[in-house]
Protein backbone atom coordinates (compact mmCIF):
# COMPACT_ATOMS: atom_id res chain seq x y z
CA UNK A 1 0.00 0.00 0.00
CA UNK A 2 2.64 2.56 0.95
CA UNK A 3 4.98 1.49 -1.85
CA UNK A 4 2.57 2.40 -4.66
CA UNK A 5 -0.26 4.46 -3.13
CA UNK A 6 -1.33 5.73 -6.57
CA UNK A 7 -2.45 2.17 -7.42
CA UNK A 8 -4.52 1.71 -4.26
CA UNK A 9 -8.25 2.09 -4.81
CA UNK A 10 -9.75 0.64 -1.66
CA UNK A 11 -7.83 -1.22 1.01
CA UNK A 12 -9.62 -4.19 2.60
CA UNK A 13 -7.94 -6.37 5.22
CA UNK A 14 -9.32 -9.66 6.55
CA UNK A 15 -7.92 -11.24 9.71
CA UNK A 16 -9.06 -13.83 12.23
CA UNK A 17 -9.71 -12.90 15.84
CA UNK A 18 -6.78 -14.82 17.32
CA UNK A 19 -4.35 -13.52 14.71
CA UNK A 20 -5.66 -10.00 15.30
CA UNK A 21 -4.92 -10.34 19.03
CA UNK A 22 -1.47 -11.80 18.45
CA UNK A 23 -0.22 -9.68 15.56
CA UNK A 24 -2.95 -7.56 13.98
CA UNK A 25 -3.36 -4.85 16.61
CA UNK A 26 -0.16 -3.18 15.43
CA UNK A 27 -1.56 -3.07 11.89
CA UNK A 28 -4.70 -1.35 13.16
CA UNK A 29 -2.56 1.21 14.99
CA UNK A 30 -0.58 1.86 11.80
CA UNK A 31 -3.77 2.22 9.75
CA UNK A 32 -5.14 4.80 12.20
CA UNK A 33 -1.81 6.65 12.44
CA UNK A 34 -1.09 6.62 8.71
CA UNK A 35 -4.49 6.19 6.99
CA UNK A 36 -4.72 5.34 3.29
CA UNK A 37 -6.16 8.29 1.33
CA UNK A 38 -9.04 6.19 -0.05
CA UNK A 39 -9.95 4.64 3.29
CA UNK A 40 -9.54 1.19 4.78
CA UNK A 41 -11.92 -1.58 5.78
CA UNK A 42 -10.78 -4.07 8.42
CA UNK A 43 -12.80 -7.27 8.81
CA UNK A 44 -12.09 -9.31 11.94
CA UNK A 45 -13.54 -12.80 11.58
CA UNK A 46 -14.41 -13.66 15.17
CA UNK A 47 -15.04 -17.32 15.91
CA UNK A 48 -13.96 -16.99 19.55
CA UNK A 49 -11.00 -19.36 19.43
CA UNK A 50 -7.57 -20.03 17.97
CA UNK A 51 -8.90 -22.57 15.49
CA UNK A 52 -5.76 -22.93 13.38
CA UNK A 53 -3.65 -24.44 16.17
CA UNK A 54 -6.02 -26.42 18.37
CA UNK A 55 -8.94 -24.30 19.58
CA UNK A 56 -7.06 -22.45 22.35
CA UNK A 57 -8.48 -19.40 24.08
CA UNK A 58 -7.01 -15.95 23.39
CA UNK A 59 -7.33 -12.48 24.92
CA UNK A 60 -10.52 -11.81 22.95
CA UNK A 61 -12.46 -14.76 24.35
CA UNK A 62 -12.75 -13.77 28.02
CA UNK A 63 -11.45 -17.17 29.13
CA UNK A 64 -8.04 -18.43 30.21
CA UNK A 65 -6.49 -21.58 28.76
CA UNK A 66 -8.17 -23.61 31.54
CA UNK A 67 -11.50 -21.93 30.61
CA UNK A 68 -11.75 -19.76 33.73
CA UNK A 69 -13.37 -16.34 33.22
CA UNK A 70 -10.94 -13.45 32.75
CA UNK A 71 -10.69 -10.05 31.12
CA UNK A 72 -11.57 -9.74 27.46
CA UNK A 73 -10.45 -7.48 24.62
CA UNK A 74 -13.55 -6.13 22.88
CA UNK A 75 -12.35 -5.40 19.36
CA UNK A 76 -14.78 -2.55 18.71
CA UNK A 77 -13.86 -0.87 22.01
CA UNK A 78 -10.16 -1.23 21.22
CA UNK A 79 -10.63 0.41 17.81
CA UNK A 80 -12.59 3.28 19.40
CA UNK A 81 -9.95 3.74 22.11
CA UNK A 82 -7.23 3.91 19.46
CA UNK A 83 -9.13 6.66 17.67
CA UNK A 84 -10.50 4.78 14.66
CA UNK A 85 -12.57 7.49 12.93
CA UNK A 86 -15.36 5.16 11.78
CA UNK A 87 -15.72 3.61 15.25
CA UNK A 88 -16.35 6.85 17.09
PDB file of N, CA and C in Angstrom:
ATOM      1  N   UNK A   1       0.814  -1.180   0.000  1.00  0.00           N
ATOM      2  CA  UNK A   1       0.000   0.000   0.000  1.00  0.00           C
ATOM      3  C   UNK A   1       0.860   1.247   0.000  1.00  0.00           C
ATOM      4  N   UNK A   2       1.831   1.345   0.860  1.00  0.00           N
ATOM      5  CA  UNK A   2       2.638   2.558   0.951  1.00  0.00           C
ATOM      6  C   UNK A   2       3.714   2.620  -0.133  1.00  0.00           C
ATOM      7  N   UNK A   3       3.988   1.482  -0.780  1.00  0.00           N
ATOM      8  CA  UNK A   3       4.980   1.495  -1.853  1.00  0.00           C
ATOM      9  C   UNK A   3       4.429   2.141  -3.113  1.00  0.00           C
ATOM     10  N   UNK A   4       3.181   1.865  -3.442  1.00  0.00           N
ATOM     11  CA  UNK A   4       2.570   2.395  -4.657  1.00  0.00           C
ATOM     12  C   UNK A   4       1.178   2.927  -4.336  1.00  0.00           C
ATOM     13  N   UNK A   5       1.074   3.977  -3.543  1.00  0.00           N
ATOM     14  CA  UNK A   5      -0.256   4.456  -3.132  1.00  0.00           C
ATOM     15  C   UNK A   5      -1.120   4.900  -4.297  1.00  0.00           C
ATOM     16  N   UNK A   6      -0.523   5.296  -5.427  1.00  0.00           N
ATOM     17  CA  UNK A   6      -1.328   5.728  -6.573  1.00  0.00           C
ATOM     18  C   UNK A   6      -2.120   4.565  -7.179  1.00  0.00           C
ATOM     19  N   UNK A   7      -1.727   3.326  -6.898  1.00  0.00           N
ATOM     20  CA  UNK A   7      -2.448   2.172  -7.416  1.00  0.00           C
ATOM     21  C   UNK A   7      -3.552   1.701  -6.474  1.00  0.00           C
ATOM     22  N   UNK A   8      -3.532   2.161  -5.241  1.00  0.00           N
ATOM     23  CA  UNK A   8      -4.525   1.709  -4.259  1.00  0.00           C
ATOM     24  C   UNK A   8      -5.865   2.370  -4.532  1.00  0.00           C
ATOM     25  N   UNK A   9      -6.891   1.579  -4.658  1.00  0.00           N
ATOM     26  CA  UNK A   9      -8.246   2.094  -4.813  1.00  0.00           C
ATOM     27  C   UNK A   9      -8.960   2.042  -3.465  1.00  0.00           C
ATOM     28  N   UNK A  10      -9.169   0.865  -2.975  1.00  0.00           N
ATOM     29  CA  UNK A  10      -9.748   0.641  -1.656  1.00  0.00           C
ATOM     30  C   UNK A  10      -8.937  -0.449  -0.978  1.00  0.00           C
ATOM     31  N   UNK A  11      -8.606  -0.238   0.264  1.00  0.00           N
ATOM     32  CA  UNK A  11      -7.831  -1.222   1.007  1.00  0.00           C
ATOM     33  C   UNK A  11      -8.794  -1.986   1.906  1.00  0.00           C
ATOM     34  N   UNK A  12      -8.798  -3.312   1.768  1.00  0.00           N
ATOM     35  CA  UNK A  12      -9.621  -4.185   2.598  1.00  0.00           C
ATOM     36  C   UNK A  12      -8.692  -5.232   3.198  1.00  0.00           C
ATOM     37  N   UNK A  13      -8.743  -5.363   4.525  1.00  0.00           N
ATOM     38  CA  UNK A  13      -7.938  -6.367   5.217  1.00  0.00           C
ATOM     39  C   UNK A  13      -8.871  -7.336   5.925  1.00  0.00           C
ATOM     40  N   UNK A  14      -8.541  -8.621   5.880  1.00  0.00           N
ATOM     41  CA  UNK A  14      -9.320  -9.659   6.550  1.00  0.00           C
ATOM     42  C   UNK A  14      -8.368 -10.413   7.461  1.00  0.00           C
ATOM     43  N   UNK A  15      -8.777 -10.572   8.730  1.00  0.00           N
ATOM     44  CA  UNK A  15      -7.921 -11.236   9.706  1.00  0.00           C
ATOM     45  C   UNK A  15      -8.802 -11.970  10.716  1.00  0.00           C
ATOM     46  N   UNK A  16      -8.332 -13.085  11.207  1.00  0.00           N
ATOM     47  CA  UNK A  16      -9.060 -13.826  12.235  1.00  0.00           C
ATOM     48  C   UNK A  16      -8.873 -13.188  13.601  1.00  0.00           C
ATOM     49  N   UNK A  17      -9.752 -13.516  14.526  1.00  0.00           N
ATOM     50  CA  UNK A  17      -9.712 -12.898  15.841  1.00  0.00           C
ATOM     51  C   UNK A  17      -8.433 -13.214  16.608  1.00  0.00           C
ATOM     52  N   UNK A  18      -8.004 -14.455  16.600  1.00  0.00           N
ATOM     53  CA  UNK A  18      -6.783 -14.816  17.315  1.00  0.00           C
ATOM     54  C   UNK A  18      -5.565 -14.151  16.693  1.00  0.00           C
ATOM     55  N   UNK A  19      -5.474 -14.163  15.377  1.00  0.00           N
ATOM     56  CA  UNK A  19      -4.349 -13.520  14.707  1.00  0.00           C
ATOM     57  C   UNK A  19      -4.366 -12.025  14.955  1.00  0.00           C
ATOM     58  N   UNK A  20      -5.560 -11.428  14.988  1.00  0.00           N
ATOM     59  CA  UNK A  20      -5.661 -10.004  15.297  1.00  0.00           C
ATOM     60  C   UNK A  20      -5.081  -9.718  16.677  1.00  0.00           C
ATOM     61  N   UNK A  21      -5.432 -10.531  17.670  1.00  0.00           N
ATOM     62  CA  UNK A  21      -4.923 -10.335  19.033  1.00  0.00           C
ATOM     63  C   UNK A  21      -3.407 -10.497  19.062  1.00  0.00           C
ATOM     64  N   UNK A  22      -2.891 -11.495  18.363  1.00  0.00           N
ATOM     65  CA  UNK A  22      -1.466 -11.804  18.448  1.00  0.00           C
ATOM     66  C   UNK A  22      -0.579 -10.942  17.561  1.00  0.00           C
ATOM     67  N   UNK A  23      -1.095 -10.464  16.416  1.00  0.00           N
ATOM     68  CA  UNK A  23      -0.220  -9.683  15.555  1.00  0.00           C
ATOM     69  C   UNK A  23      -0.930  -8.622  14.717  1.00  0.00           C
ATOM     70  N   UNK A  24      -2.230  -8.511  14.804  1.00  0.00           N
ATOM     71  CA  UNK A  24      -2.951  -7.556  13.979  1.00  0.00           C
ATOM     72  C   UNK A  24      -3.198  -6.203  14.609  1.00  0.00           C
ATOM     73  N   UNK A  25      -3.098  -6.124  15.930  1.00  0.00           N
ATOM     74  CA  UNK A  25      -3.356  -4.853  16.610  1.00  0.00           C
ATOM     75  C   UNK A  25      -2.381  -3.786  16.135  1.00  0.00           C
ATOM     76  N   UNK A  26      -1.137  -4.162  15.907  1.00  0.00           N
ATOM     77  CA  UNK A  26      -0.156  -3.179  15.427  1.00  0.00           C
ATOM     78  C   UNK A  26      -0.524  -2.666  14.039  1.00  0.00           C
ATOM     79  N   UNK A  27      -1.103  -3.513  13.198  1.00  0.00           N
ATOM     80  CA  UNK A  27      -1.557  -3.071  11.885  1.00  0.00           C
ATOM     81  C   UNK A  27      -2.698  -2.074  11.989  1.00  0.00           C
ATOM     82  N   UNK A  28      -3.608  -2.298  12.933  1.00  0.00           N
ATOM     83  CA  UNK A  28      -4.697  -1.348  13.163  1.00  0.00           C
ATOM     84  C   UNK A  28      -4.150  -0.004  13.629  1.00  0.00           C
ATOM     85  N   UNK A  29      -3.185  -0.037  14.524  1.00  0.00           N
ATOM     86  CA  UNK A  29      -2.557   1.208  14.993  1.00  0.00           C
ATOM     87  C   UNK A  29      -1.927   1.951  13.819  1.00  0.00           C
ATOM     88  N   UNK A  30      -1.209   1.248  12.969  1.00  0.00           N
ATOM     89  CA  UNK A  30      -0.582   1.865  11.801  1.00  0.00           C
ATOM     90  C   UNK A  30      -1.624   2.455  10.858  1.00  0.00           C
ATOM     91  N   UNK A  31      -2.719   1.729  10.640  1.00  0.00           N
ATOM     92  CA  UNK A  31      -3.772   2.215   9.755  1.00  0.00           C
ATOM     93  C   UNK A  31      -4.383   3.512  10.284  1.00  0.00           C
ATOM     94  N   UNK A  32      -4.565   3.599  11.600  1.00  0.00           N
ATOM     95  CA  UNK A  32      -5.136   4.802  12.200  1.00  0.00           C
ATOM     96  C   UNK A  32      -4.125   5.949  12.175  1.00  0.00           C
ATOM     97  N   UNK A  33      -2.866   5.637  12.423  1.00  0.00           N
ATOM     98  CA  UNK A  33      -1.809   6.651  12.445  1.00  0.00           C
ATOM     99  C   UNK A  33      -1.492   7.171  11.048  1.00  0.00           C
ATOM    100  N   UNK A  34      -1.497   6.283  10.068  1.00  0.00           N
ATOM    101  CA  UNK A  34      -1.090   6.616   8.706  1.00  0.00           C
ATOM    102  C   UNK A  34      -2.166   6.119   7.738  1.00  0.00           C
ATOM    103  N   UNK A  35      -3.361   6.740   7.748  1.00  0.00           N
ATOM    104  CA  UNK A  35      -4.492   6.186   6.991  1.00  0.00           C
ATOM    105  C   UNK A  35      -4.305   6.287   5.480  1.00  0.00           C
ATOM    106  N   UNK A  36      -4.739   5.263   4.750  1.00  0.00           N
ATOM    107  CA  UNK A  36      -4.720   5.341   3.291  1.00  0.00           C
ATOM    108  C   UNK A  36      -5.668   6.449   2.826  1.00  0.00           C
ATOM    109  N   UNK A  37      -5.325   7.167   1.775  1.00  0.00           N
ATOM    110  CA  UNK A  37      -6.158   8.288   1.330  1.00  0.00           C
ATOM    111  C   UNK A  37      -7.554   7.873   0.887  1.00  0.00           C
ATOM    112  N   UNK A  38      -7.731   6.641   0.413  1.00  0.00           N
ATOM    113  CA  UNK A  38      -9.043   6.194  -0.052  1.00  0.00           C
ATOM    114  C   UNK A  38      -9.806   5.416   1.004  1.00  0.00           C
ATOM    115  N   UNK A  39      -9.275   5.354   2.214  1.00  0.00           N
ATOM    116  CA  UNK A  39      -9.949   4.636   3.294  1.00  0.00           C
ATOM    117  C   UNK A  39      -9.458   3.211   3.437  1.00  0.00           C
ATOM    118  N   UNK A  40      -9.972   2.551   4.462  1.00  0.00           N
ATOM    119  CA  UNK A  40      -9.541   1.188   4.781  1.00  0.00           C
ATOM    120  C   UNK A  40     -10.687   0.485   5.491  1.00  0.00           C
ATOM    121  N   UNK A  41     -10.928  -0.748   5.108  1.00  0.00           N
ATOM    122  CA  UNK A  41     -11.922  -1.585   5.776  1.00  0.00           C
ATOM    123  C   UNK A  41     -11.172  -2.749   6.411  1.00  0.00           C
ATOM    124  N   UNK A  42     -11.383  -2.941   7.705  1.00  0.00           N
ATOM    125  CA  UNK A  42     -10.777  -4.066   8.420  1.00  0.00           C
ATOM    126  C   UNK A  42     -11.889  -5.000   8.864  1.00  0.00           C
ATOM    127  N   UNK A  43     -11.831  -6.253   8.414  1.00  0.00           N
ATOM    128  CA  UNK A  43     -12.796  -7.268   8.814  1.00  0.00           C
ATOM    129  C   UNK A  43     -12.103  -8.234   9.764  1.00  0.00           C
ATOM    130  N   UNK A  44     -12.613  -8.345  10.980  1.00  0.00           N
ATOM    131  CA  UNK A  44     -12.089  -9.308  11.941  1.00  0.00           C
ATOM    132  C   UNK A  44     -13.088 -10.458  12.013  1.00  0.00           C
ATOM    133  N   UNK A  45     -12.672 -11.627  11.566  1.00  0.00           N
ATOM    134  CA  UNK A  45     -13.536 -12.805  11.578  1.00  0.00           C
ATOM    135  C   UNK A  45     -13.427 -13.454  12.954  1.00  0.00           C
ATOM    136  N   UNK A  46     -14.454 -13.263  13.753  1.00  0.00           N
ATOM    137  CA  UNK A  46     -14.412 -13.657  15.168  1.00  0.00           C
ATOM    138  C   UNK A  46     -15.168 -14.959  15.390  1.00  0.00           C
ATOM    139  N   UNK A  47     -14.425 -16.050  15.567  1.00  0.00           N
ATOM    140  CA  UNK A  47     -15.044 -17.323  15.910  1.00  0.00           C
ATOM    141  C   UNK A  47     -14.767 -17.708  17.361  1.00  0.00           C
ATOM    142  N   UNK A  48     -14.140 -16.791  18.118  1.00  0.00           N
ATOM    143  CA  UNK A  48     -13.961 -16.989  19.555  1.00  0.00           C
ATOM    144  C   UNK A  48     -12.970 -18.060  19.942  1.00  0.00           C
ATOM    145  N   UNK A  49     -12.000 -18.345  19.090  1.00  0.00           N
ATOM    146  CA  UNK A  49     -11.003 -19.364  19.425  1.00  0.00           C
ATOM    147  C   UNK A  49      -9.777 -19.203  18.527  1.00  0.00           C
ATOM    148  N   UNK A  50      -8.741 -19.942  18.837  1.00  0.00           N
ATOM    149  CA  UNK A  50      -7.567 -20.027  17.970  1.00  0.00           C
ATOM    150  C   UNK A  50      -7.694 -21.334  17.199  1.00  0.00           C
ATOM    151  N   UNK A  51      -8.528 -21.335  16.191  1.00  0.00           N
ATOM    152  CA  UNK A  51      -8.901 -22.569  15.491  1.00  0.00           C
ATOM    153  C   UNK A  51      -7.730 -23.214  14.760  1.00  0.00           C
ATOM    154  N   UNK A  52      -6.830 -22.400  14.222  1.00  0.00           N
ATOM    155  CA  UNK A  52      -5.760 -22.933  13.382  1.00  0.00           C
ATOM    156  C   UNK A  52      -4.813 -23.858  14.140  1.00  0.00           C
ATOM    157  N   UNK A  53      -4.661 -23.665  15.439  1.00  0.00           N
ATOM    158  CA  UNK A  53      -3.655 -24.439  16.171  1.00  0.00           C
ATOM    159  C   UNK A  53      -4.220 -25.243  17.334  1.00  0.00           C
ATOM    160  N   UNK A  54      -5.519 -25.507  17.340  1.00  0.00           N
ATOM    161  CA  UNK A  54      -6.019 -26.415  18.366  1.00  0.00           C
ATOM    162  C   UNK A  54      -7.110 -25.882  19.255  1.00  0.00           C
ATOM    163  N   UNK A  55      -7.776 -24.810  18.864  1.00  0.00           N
ATOM    164  CA  UNK A  55      -8.941 -24.299  19.584  1.00  0.00           C
ATOM    165  C   UNK A  55      -8.614 -23.693  20.956  1.00  0.00           C
ATOM    166  N   UNK A  56      -7.421 -23.088  21.098  1.00  0.00           N
ATOM    167  CA  UNK A  56      -7.065 -22.446  22.355  1.00  0.00           C
ATOM    168  C   UNK A  56      -7.822 -21.131  22.520  1.00  0.00           C
ATOM    169  N   UNK A  57      -7.921 -20.720  23.766  1.00  0.00           N
ATOM    170  CA  UNK A  57      -8.479 -19.403  24.078  1.00  0.00           C
ATOM    171  C   UNK A  57      -7.458 -18.335  23.697  1.00  0.00           C
ATOM    172  N   UNK A  58      -7.912 -17.091  23.582  1.00  0.00           N
ATOM    173  CA  UNK A  58      -7.011 -15.951  23.391  1.00  0.00           C
ATOM    174  C   UNK A  58      -7.614 -14.756  24.117  1.00  0.00           C
ATOM    175  N   UNK A  59      -6.921 -13.641  24.117  1.00  0.00           N
ATOM    176  CA  UNK A  59      -7.335 -12.482  24.923  1.00  0.00           C
ATOM    177  C   UNK A  59      -8.661 -11.873  24.498  1.00  0.00           C
ATOM    178  N   UNK A  60      -9.216 -12.300  23.378  1.00  0.00           N
ATOM    179  CA  UNK A  60     -10.517 -11.807  22.950  1.00  0.00           C
ATOM    180  C   UNK A  60     -11.672 -12.714  23.343  1.00  0.00           C
ATOM    181  N   UNK A  61     -11.390 -13.820  24.012  1.00  0.00           N
ATOM    182  CA  UNK A  61     -12.461 -14.763  24.353  1.00  0.00           C
ATOM    183  C   UNK A  61     -13.029 -14.552  25.753  1.00  0.00           C
ATOM    184  N   UNK A  62     -12.283 -13.934  26.643  1.00  0.00           N
ATOM    185  CA  UNK A  62     -12.752 -13.769  28.015  1.00  0.00           C
ATOM    186  C   UNK A  62     -12.556 -15.009  28.870  1.00  0.00           C
ATOM    187  N   UNK A  63     -11.731 -15.944  28.381  1.00  0.00           N
ATOM    188  CA  UNK A  63     -11.449 -17.172  29.129  1.00  0.00           C
ATOM    189  C   UNK A  63      -9.949 -17.463  29.089  1.00  0.00           C
ATOM    190  N   UNK A  64      -9.441 -18.014  30.184  1.00  0.00           N
ATOM    191  CA  UNK A  64      -8.037 -18.433  30.215  1.00  0.00           C
ATOM    192  C   UNK A  64      -7.915 -19.793  29.524  1.00  0.00           C
ATOM    193  N   UNK A  65      -6.687 -20.290  29.415  1.00  0.00           N
ATOM    194  CA  UNK A  65      -6.489 -21.582  28.760  1.00  0.00           C
ATOM    195  C   UNK A  65      -7.196 -22.722  29.486  1.00  0.00           C
ATOM    196  N   UNK A  66      -7.421 -22.577  30.819  1.00  0.00           N
ATOM    197  CA  UNK A  66      -8.169 -23.614  31.535  1.00  0.00           C
ATOM    198  C   UNK A  66      -9.661 -23.273  31.623  1.00  0.00           C
ATOM    199  N   UNK A  67     -10.100 -22.330  30.791  1.00  0.00           N
ATOM    200  CA  UNK A  67     -11.501 -21.931  30.608  1.00  0.00           C
ATOM    201  C   UNK A  67     -12.093 -21.135  31.766  1.00  0.00           C
ATOM    202  N   UNK A  68     -11.254 -20.640  32.663  1.00  0.00           N
ATOM    203  CA  UNK A  68     -11.753 -19.762  33.728  1.00  0.00           C
ATOM    204  C   UNK A  68     -12.053 -18.384  33.139  1.00  0.00           C
ATOM    205  N   UNK A  69     -13.045 -17.693  33.701  1.00  0.00           N
ATOM    206  CA  UNK A  69     -13.368 -16.345  33.222  1.00  0.00           C
ATOM    207  C   UNK A  69     -12.218 -15.392  33.516  1.00  0.00           C
ATOM    208  N   UNK A  70     -11.990 -14.458  32.598  1.00  0.00           N
ATOM    209  CA  UNK A  70     -10.939 -13.454  32.753  1.00  0.00           C
ATOM    210  C   UNK A  70     -11.322 -12.224  31.947  1.00  0.00           C
ATOM    211  N   UNK A  71     -10.443 -11.242  31.922  1.00  0.00           N
ATOM    212  CA  UNK A  71     -10.691 -10.051  31.124  1.00  0.00           C
ATOM    213  C   UNK A  71     -10.765 -10.386  29.645  1.00  0.00           C
ATOM    214  N   UNK A  72     -11.349  -9.469  28.879  1.00  0.00           N
ATOM    215  CA  UNK A  72     -11.571  -9.735  27.461  1.00  0.00           C
ATOM    216  C   UNK A  72     -11.323  -8.465  26.654  1.00  0.00           C
ATOM    217  N   UNK A  73     -10.588  -8.582  25.564  1.00  0.00           N
ATOM    218  CA  UNK A  73     -10.446  -7.478  24.619  1.00  0.00           C
ATOM    219  C   UNK A  73     -11.712  -7.453  23.761  1.00  0.00           C
ATOM    220  N   UNK A  74     -12.396  -6.325  23.765  1.00  0.00           N
ATOM    221  CA  UNK A  74     -13.546  -6.135  22.883  1.00  0.00           C
ATOM    222  C   UNK A  74     -13.021  -5.350  21.689  1.00  0.00           C
ATOM    223  N   UNK A  75     -13.015  -5.971  20.523  1.00  0.00           N
ATOM    224  CA  UNK A  75     -12.346  -5.397  19.361  1.00  0.00           C
ATOM    225  C   UNK A  75     -12.889  -4.022  18.995  1.00  0.00           C
ATOM    226  N   UNK A  76     -14.194  -3.844  19.041  1.00  0.00           N
ATOM    227  CA  UNK A  76     -14.782  -2.547  18.710  1.00  0.00           C
ATOM    228  C   UNK A  76     -14.337  -1.473  19.706  1.00  0.00           C
ATOM    229  N   UNK A  77     -14.303  -1.826  20.986  1.00  0.00           N
ATOM    230  CA  UNK A  77     -13.864  -0.873  22.011  1.00  0.00           C
ATOM    231  C   UNK A  77     -12.394  -0.507  21.826  1.00  0.00           C
ATOM    232  N   UNK A  78     -11.572  -1.493  21.464  1.00  0.00           N
ATOM    233  CA  UNK A  78     -10.157  -1.228  21.222  1.00  0.00           C
ATOM    234  C   UNK A  78      -9.991  -0.251  20.063  1.00  0.00           C
ATOM    235  N   UNK A  79     -10.722  -0.478  18.972  1.00  0.00           N
ATOM    236  CA  UNK A  79     -10.627   0.414  17.813  1.00  0.00           C
ATOM    237  C   UNK A  79     -11.061   1.834  18.189  1.00  0.00           C
ATOM    238  N   UNK A  80     -12.145   1.953  18.958  1.00  0.00           N
ATOM    239  CA  UNK A  80     -12.589   3.281  19.405  1.00  0.00           C
ATOM    240  C   UNK A  80     -11.529   3.950  20.271  1.00  0.00           C
ATOM    241  N   UNK A  81     -10.954   3.197  21.199  1.00  0.00           N
ATOM    242  CA  UNK A  81      -9.950   3.735  22.109  1.00  0.00           C
ATOM    243  C   UNK A  81      -8.712   4.209  21.358  1.00  0.00           C
ATOM    244  N   UNK A  82      -8.377   3.524  20.265  1.00  0.00           N
ATOM    245  CA  UNK A  82      -7.227   3.908  19.465  1.00  0.00           C
ATOM    246  C   UNK A  82      -7.513   5.116  18.564  1.00  0.00           C
ATOM    247  N   UNK A  83      -8.776   5.493  18.460  1.00  0.00           N
ATOM    248  CA  UNK A  83      -9.131   6.657  17.667  1.00  0.00           C
ATOM    249  C   UNK A  83      -9.569   6.355  16.246  1.00  0.00           C
ATOM    250  N   UNK A  84     -10.024   5.128  16.000  1.00  0.00           N
ATOM    251  CA  UNK A  84     -10.505   4.779  14.661  1.00  0.00           C
ATOM    252  C   UNK A  84     -11.672   5.704  14.295  1.00  0.00           C
ATOM    253  N   UNK A  85     -11.553   6.481  13.234  1.00  0.00           N
ATOM    254  CA  UNK A  85     -12.567   7.495  12.926  1.00  0.00           C
ATOM    255  C   UNK A  85     -13.962   6.917  12.655  1.00  0.00           C
ATOM    256  N   UNK A  86     -14.056   5.742  12.087  1.00  0.00           N
ATOM    257  CA  UNK A  86     -15.363   5.156  11.781  1.00  0.00           C
ATOM    258  C   UNK A  86     -15.977   4.459  12.987  1.00  0.00           C
ATOM    259  N   UNK A  87     -15.222   4.311  14.056  1.00  0.00           N
ATOM    260  CA  UNK A  87     -15.724   3.610  15.249  1.00  0.00           C
ATOM    261  C   UNK A  87     -16.163   4.592  16.328  1.00  0.00           C
ATOM    262  N   UNK A  88     -16.038   5.853  16.072  1.00  0.00           N
ATOM    263  CA  UNK A  88     -16.353   6.852  17.093  1.00  0.00           C
ATOM    264  C   UNK A  88     -17.844   7.053  17.223  1.00  0.00           C
TER     265      UNK A  88
END
